[in-house]
Amino acid sequence: MAGLRLVCAAAAVLLLAAGGAIPPPQEAARMARFVLHNCDWGALATLSTQEGLRGHPFANIFSLSDGPPGPFSGSGVPYLYLTDMEISVQDLEINSNASLTVSLAQTPYCKKHKYDPQNPLCAHIIFCGSIVKVNGSEAGLAKKALFSRHPEMESWPKDHNWFFAKFNITNIWVLDYFGGLKIVTPEEYYSVKP
């Protein structure tokens, strides 16, 4: 009976408030998809073009989405809603390369388990790549993904010339357990479901 309680307790530890089970550490590609899909924002780092900061790293928070909430509804593509008026977007116009960090620290999971955001068990993912504007049918996918999670976006001022963009992933690092970062290729990442 004690063994059954231990198994049940361990299973409960693996559940997020949204009801999805966190992937095991040996499934790094699934973990990357899972963390991105369960996060509503990330820290986007660019190389600054601003006076006094030119050439220095500059991180800023952006709302994002890879699809509507719910299990298995994420595409794995981080979509963003941007305007040229934003200083990080101005950096991206000069150099579109960036990194994007997302962490389960923004979900109830880490607080529930008393994990500090820096604890590897509070998984975080670092994506490297570039920001690319999307048009046509992909812009429709981005709009559905973003507005389903961030409905306020629909009412943002039209004169800010908002556009849909995606983070074009070239490299992925996963920190979800002790022992250091795991490298996941984009091919591995897109071939699994969260």
Protein backbone atom coordinates (compact mmCIF):
# COMPACT_ATOMS: atom_id res chain seq x y z
CA MET A 1 0.00 0.00 0.00
CA ALA A 2 2.85 2.41 0.83
CA GLY A 3 4.40 1.66 -2.57
CA LEU A 4 1.15 2.53 -4.33
CA ARG A 5 0.94 5.82 -2.42
CA LEU A 6 4.53 6.61 -3.42
CA VAL A 7 3.74 5.94 -7.10
CA CYS A 8 0.61 8.11 -6.91
CA ALA A 9 2.53 10.91 -5.19
CA ALA A 10 5.25 10.76 -7.84
CA ALA A 11 2.64 10.93 -10.60
CA ALA A 12 1.02 13.95 -8.95
CA VAL A 13 4.40 15.70 -8.83
CA LEU A 14 4.63 15.38 -12.60
CA LEU A 15 1.38 17.20 -13.31
CA LEU A 16 1.09 20.87 -14.14
CA ALA A 17 -1.90 22.90 -13.04
CA ALA A 18 -3.17 22.71 -16.63
CA GLY A 19 -3.38 18.95 -16.29
CA GLY A 20 -0.54 17.95 -18.57
CA ALA A 21 2.23 15.64 -17.44
CA ILE A 22 5.75 17.02 -17.62
CA PRO A 23 7.99 14.88 -19.86
CA PRO A 24 10.81 12.90 -18.23
CA PRO A 25 14.31 14.44 -18.38
CA GLN A 26 15.55 11.91 -20.93
CA GLU A 27 13.04 13.30 -23.47
CA ALA A 28 14.67 16.70 -24.03
CA ALA A 29 12.91 17.47 -27.33
CA ARG A 30 9.50 16.79 -25.77
CA MET A 31 10.47 18.89 -22.76
CA ALA A 32 11.36 21.83 -25.02
CA ARG A 33 7.99 21.59 -26.80
CA PHE A 34 6.17 21.17 -23.48
CA VAL A 35 7.78 24.20 -21.83
CA LEU A 36 7.21 26.47 -24.83
CA HIS A 37 3.57 25.42 -25.12
CA ASN A 38 2.93 26.06 -21.43
CA CYS A 39 4.52 29.53 -21.44
CA ASP A 40 2.76 32.75 -22.40
CA TRP A 41 5.86 34.94 -22.55
CA GLY A 42 9.60 34.76 -22.90
CA ALA A 43 12.75 36.85 -22.60
CA LEU A 44 13.98 37.83 -26.05
CA ALA A 45 17.63 38.91 -26.19
CA THR A 46 18.96 41.00 -29.06
CA LEU A 47 22.14 42.92 -29.78
CA SER A 48 21.29 46.50 -28.99
CA THR A 49 21.45 49.26 -31.59
CA GLN A 50 20.49 51.91 -29.04
CA GLU A 51 22.87 54.76 -28.24
CA GLY A 52 24.97 53.90 -25.20
CA LEU A 53 24.15 50.17 -25.47
CA ARG A 54 25.19 49.50 -29.07
CA GLY A 55 26.53 45.96 -29.46
CA HIS A 56 25.57 44.89 -25.94
CA PRO A 57 23.05 42.13 -25.16
CA PHE A 58 19.59 43.50 -24.43
CA ALA A 59 16.77 41.31 -23.10
CA ASN A 60 13.11 42.23 -23.14
CA ILE A 61 9.88 40.41 -22.30
CA PHE A 62 7.49 39.46 -25.12
CA SER A 63 4.15 37.68 -25.13
CA LEU A 64 4.24 34.60 -27.33
CA SER A 65 2.28 31.52 -28.31
CA ASP A 66 2.84 28.34 -30.29
CA GLY A 67 -0.89 27.65 -30.49
CA PRO A 68 -4.13 27.76 -28.52
CA PRO A 69 -4.02 26.41 -24.96
CA GLY A 70 -4.60 22.71 -24.47
CA PRO A 71 -2.63 19.52 -24.80
CA PHE A 72 -1.20 18.70 -28.22
CA SER A 73 -2.42 21.97 -29.78
CA GLY A 74 0.99 23.60 -30.06
CA SER A 75 2.94 23.83 -33.29
CA GLY A 76 6.29 24.38 -31.56
CA VAL A 77 6.73 27.65 -33.48
CA PRO A 78 7.03 30.66 -31.15
CA TYR A 79 4.83 33.40 -32.66
CA LEU A 80 5.02 37.05 -31.62
CA TYR A 81 3.01 40.22 -32.29
CA LEU A 82 5.43 43.07 -32.89
CA THR A 83 5.67 46.73 -33.83
CA ASP A 84 8.62 48.67 -35.24
CA MET A 85 8.07 51.16 -32.43
CA GLU A 86 9.47 48.67 -29.88
CA ILE A 87 13.21 49.07 -29.18
CA SER A 88 14.05 45.37 -29.42
CA VAL A 89 12.31 45.23 -32.80
CA GLN A 90 14.48 48.16 -33.89
CA ASP A 91 17.50 46.03 -32.91
CA LEU A 92 16.10 43.13 -34.96
CA GLU A 93 15.78 45.35 -38.04
CA ILE A 94 19.58 45.69 -38.00
CA ASN A 95 20.38 42.14 -36.88
CA SER A 96 17.53 39.61 -36.81
CA ASN A 97 19.52 37.11 -34.71
CA ALA A 98 18.26 36.63 -31.18
CA SER A 99 17.81 34.19 -28.34
CA LEU A 100 14.54 33.40 -26.60
CA THR A 101 14.29 31.93 -23.11
CA VAL A 102 11.12 30.39 -21.68
CA SER A 103 10.77 28.81 -18.25
CA LEU A 104 8.27 26.79 -16.26
CA ALA A 105 8.92 29.39 -13.54
CA GLN A 106 6.03 31.36 -15.04
CA THR A 107 3.63 28.46 -14.51
CA PRO A 108 2.33 27.18 -11.14
CA TYR A 109 4.57 24.10 -11.48
CA CYS A 110 7.78 25.45 -9.93
CA LYS A 111 6.05 27.28 -7.08
CA LYS A 112 4.00 24.19 -6.29
CA HIS A 113 7.19 22.14 -5.94
CA LYS A 114 9.11 24.97 -4.25
CA TYR A 115 11.67 25.09 -7.07
CA ASP A 116 13.60 28.31 -7.41
CA PRO A 117 13.53 29.53 -11.06
CA GLN A 118 17.27 28.83 -11.25
CA ASN A 119 16.83 25.21 -10.08
CA PRO A 120 17.31 22.90 -13.10
CA LEU A 121 14.12 21.02 -12.12
CA CYS A 122 12.25 24.25 -12.95
CA ALA A 123 12.90 23.60 -16.63
CA HIS A 124 13.91 26.35 -18.97
CA ILE A 125 14.62 26.33 -22.66
CA ILE A 126 16.93 28.63 -24.63
CA PHE A 127 16.23 28.97 -28.34
CA CYS A 128 18.66 30.67 -30.72
CA GLY A 129 17.69 31.82 -34.17
CA SER A 130 16.14 34.83 -35.85
CA ILE A 131 12.88 36.75 -36.02
CA VAL A 132 11.02 36.53 -39.33
CA LYS A 133 7.81 38.33 -40.34
CA VAL A 134 5.04 35.97 -41.40
CA ASN A 135 2.38 36.60 -44.03
CA GLY A 136 -0.52 34.82 -45.70
CA SER A 137 -1.82 31.64 -44.13
CA GLU A 138 0.99 31.55 -41.57
CA ALA A 139 -0.05 35.01 -40.36
CA GLY A 140 -3.52 33.52 -39.82
CA LEU A 141 -2.01 30.72 -37.73
CA ALA A 142 0.03 33.24 -35.74
CA LYS A 143 -3.05 35.41 -35.14
CA LYS A 144 -5.08 32.44 -33.88
CA ALA A 145 -2.20 31.26 -31.67
CA LEU A 146 -1.55 34.68 -30.14
CA PHE A 147 -5.06 36.07 -29.80
CA SER A 148 -6.32 32.85 -28.18
CA ARG A 149 -3.84 33.35 -25.33
CA HIS A 150 -3.55 37.14 -25.37
CA PRO A 151 -7.01 38.49 -26.29
CA GLU A 152 -6.00 42.02 -25.29
CA MET A 153 -3.77 42.13 -28.38
CA GLU A 154 -6.80 42.53 -30.65
CA SER A 155 -7.48 45.97 -29.15
CA TRP A 156 -3.92 47.31 -29.29
CA PRO A 157 -3.64 50.62 -31.24
CA LYS A 158 -3.86 49.99 -35.00
CA ASP A 159 -1.63 53.00 -35.72
CA HIS A 160 1.31 51.09 -34.19
CA ASN A 161 1.44 48.92 -37.34
CA TRP A 162 1.54 45.58 -35.55
CA PHE A 163 2.73 42.54 -37.48
CA PHE A 164 3.00 38.82 -36.85
CA ALA A 165 6.41 37.22 -36.63
CA LYS A 166 7.92 33.91 -35.69
CA PHE A 167 11.10 32.88 -33.99
CA ASN A 168 12.96 30.83 -36.61
CA ILE A 169 14.73 28.26 -34.42
CA THR A 170 18.27 27.18 -35.33
CA ASN A 171 19.57 25.89 -31.96
CA ILE A 172 17.90 24.63 -28.77
CA TRP A 173 19.31 24.12 -25.28
CA VAL A 174 17.29 22.39 -22.56
CA LEU A 175 18.00 22.66 -18.85
CA ASP A 176 15.52 20.42 -17.03
CA TYR A 177 17.66 18.27 -14.74
CA PHE A 178 21.04 18.18 -13.04
CA GLY A 179 24.14 17.58 -15.14
CA GLY A 180 24.09 20.49 -17.56
CA LEU A 181 22.41 21.59 -20.75
CA LYS A 182 21.08 19.20 -23.38
CA ILE A 183 21.25 20.11 -27.04
CA VAL A 184 18.20 19.41 -29.21
CA THR A 185 18.19 19.93 -32.98
CA PRO A 186 15.25 21.71 -34.63
CA GLU A 187 14.52 18.46 -36.49
CA GLU A 188 14.24 16.53 -33.21
CA TYR A 189 12.16 19.33 -31.70
CA TYR A 190 9.59 19.51 -34.49
CA SER A 191 9.31 15.72 -34.79
CA VAL A 192 7.77 15.27 -31.32
CA LYS A 193 4.54 16.37 -29.64
CA PRO A 194 4.70 18.07 -26.25
